[in-house]
Structures are given as C-alpha cells and as structure tokens.
Amino acid sequence: MWPTESALIWGELSQAIISNNWGKAREAKNTVEESQRILLRERESKGETWVPKHFIVTHSKEDGWNCSPIQKWVSDAPIATL
C-alpha cells in the first residue's frame, strides 16, 4: 500500500468513527487536513502543480464530473454530487 492511499491516510479517522470516538475522529481529521495544507504550501513554494497519478478528472456542463482511470485495469467511476 502506498503512503498516499486513502485507506491509510483516513484509516485512523475511519476507526474512530466506527468506534463512536468523536474526539479522536475530530483530532484525526484535523491531522490529515493540516498535513494536506503543509503539502500544498510546499508545492506552491516550489511552483509545482499537483497532478493525480491514477485518475483523470474532468468536468463539463453537459456531463458534470467524470473520473477516468489512467490504468485501464481500473473501471470508470462517476463522481456523484448532491
């Protein structure tokens, strides 16, 4: 598992929610968000643009959001918004 996998990054939060430990969930969420802010600041200071490694995300007025895998062994997954 890569260190950037969602299951790894959000695992502590997920476990806290399952355990109904809302204080721990809040703390885990804040930790993830702050880590993401730090990474964003580092990229911005270097003039880097983040590009997804595994998916291509597109948006159009006609079709809405679409998420297509770069590797074809992963099936397409539409993005649903409410």
Protein backbone atom coordinates (compact mmCIF):
# COMPACT_ATOMS: atom_id res chain seq x y z
CA MET A 1 0.00 0.00 0.00
CA TRP A 2 1.34 3.41 -0.96
CA PRO A 3 1.61 6.08 1.76
CA THR A 4 -0.85 8.19 -0.25
CA GLU A 5 -3.64 5.55 -0.20
CA SER A 6 -6.91 6.94 1.15
CA ALA A 7 -7.40 3.93 3.40
CA LEU A 8 -4.08 4.66 5.08
CA ILE A 9 -4.47 8.43 5.28
CA TRP A 10 -8.05 8.31 6.57
CA GLY A 11 -7.77 4.97 8.46
CA GLU A 12 -7.45 6.47 11.93
CA LEU A 13 -10.46 8.72 11.31
CA SER A 14 -12.49 5.80 9.98
CA GLN A 15 -11.68 3.66 13.01
CA ALA A 16 -12.61 6.49 15.37
CA ILE A 17 -15.96 6.97 13.64
CA ILE A 18 -16.70 3.24 13.75
CA SER A 19 -15.85 3.31 17.49
CA ASN A 20 -18.04 6.39 18.03
CA ASN A 21 -14.97 8.16 19.41
CA TRP A 22 -15.82 11.61 18.09
CA GLY A 23 -12.99 13.42 19.85
CA LYS A 24 -10.43 11.09 18.29
CA ALA A 25 -12.21 11.40 14.92
CA ARG A 26 -12.02 15.20 15.07
CA GLU A 27 -8.33 15.02 16.01
CA ALA A 28 -7.54 12.57 13.18
CA LYS A 29 -9.42 14.71 10.65
CA ASN A 30 -7.55 17.83 11.75
CA THR A 31 -4.22 15.98 11.47
CA VAL A 32 -4.97 14.88 7.88
CA GLU A 33 -6.16 18.34 6.88
CA GLU A 34 -3.12 20.07 8.38
CA SER A 35 -0.80 17.60 6.60
CA GLN A 36 -2.54 18.42 3.32
CA ARG A 37 -2.14 22.16 3.96
CA ILE A 38 1.59 21.67 4.58
CA LEU A 39 1.98 19.68 1.34
CA LEU A 40 0.06 22.38 -0.58
CA ARG A 41 2.29 25.15 0.81
CA GLU A 42 5.40 23.14 -0.12
CA ARG A 43 4.15 22.62 -3.69
CA GLU A 44 3.19 26.27 -4.05
CA SER A 45 6.58 27.45 -2.77
CA LYS A 46 8.26 25.27 -5.44
CA GLY A 47 5.82 26.35 -8.15
CA GLU A 48 4.60 22.77 -8.58
CA THR A 49 1.13 21.82 -9.77
CA TRP A 50 -0.50 18.69 -8.33
CA VAL A 51 -1.46 16.13 -10.93
CA PRO A 52 -3.37 12.94 -9.99
CA LYS A 53 -1.29 9.79 -10.54
CA HIS A 54 -4.09 7.29 -11.09
CA PHE A 55 -7.11 9.18 -12.44
CA ILE A 56 -8.03 11.88 -14.90
CA VAL A 57 -10.77 14.14 -13.55
CA THR A 58 -12.81 16.21 -15.99
CA HIS A 59 -15.84 18.45 -15.77
CA SER A 60 -18.26 19.75 -18.36
CA LYS A 61 -21.63 21.48 -18.13
CA GLU A 62 -23.23 18.69 -20.18
CA ASP A 63 -21.77 15.66 -18.40
CA GLY A 64 -20.86 17.00 -14.97
CA TRP A 65 -17.82 15.48 -13.24
CA ASN A 66 -16.13 12.38 -14.60
CA CYS A 67 -13.28 10.36 -13.16
CA SER A 68 -11.42 8.01 -15.52
CA PRO A 69 -8.54 5.73 -14.55
CA ILE A 70 -5.19 6.17 -16.23
CA GLN A 71 -4.59 2.41 -15.97
CA LYS A 72 -7.32 0.54 -17.81
CA TRP A 73 -7.44 -2.30 -15.24
CA VAL A 74 -9.41 0.07 -13.00
CA SER A 75 -13.03 0.54 -14.08
CA ASP A 76 -14.51 4.01 -14.62
CA ALA A 77 -16.14 5.57 -11.58
CA PRO A 78 -18.55 8.51 -12.00
CA ILE A 79 -18.40 11.24 -9.38
CA ALA A 80 -21.80 11.84 -7.81
CA THR A 81 -22.55 15.14 -6.10
CA LEU A 82 -25.62 16.18 -4.20
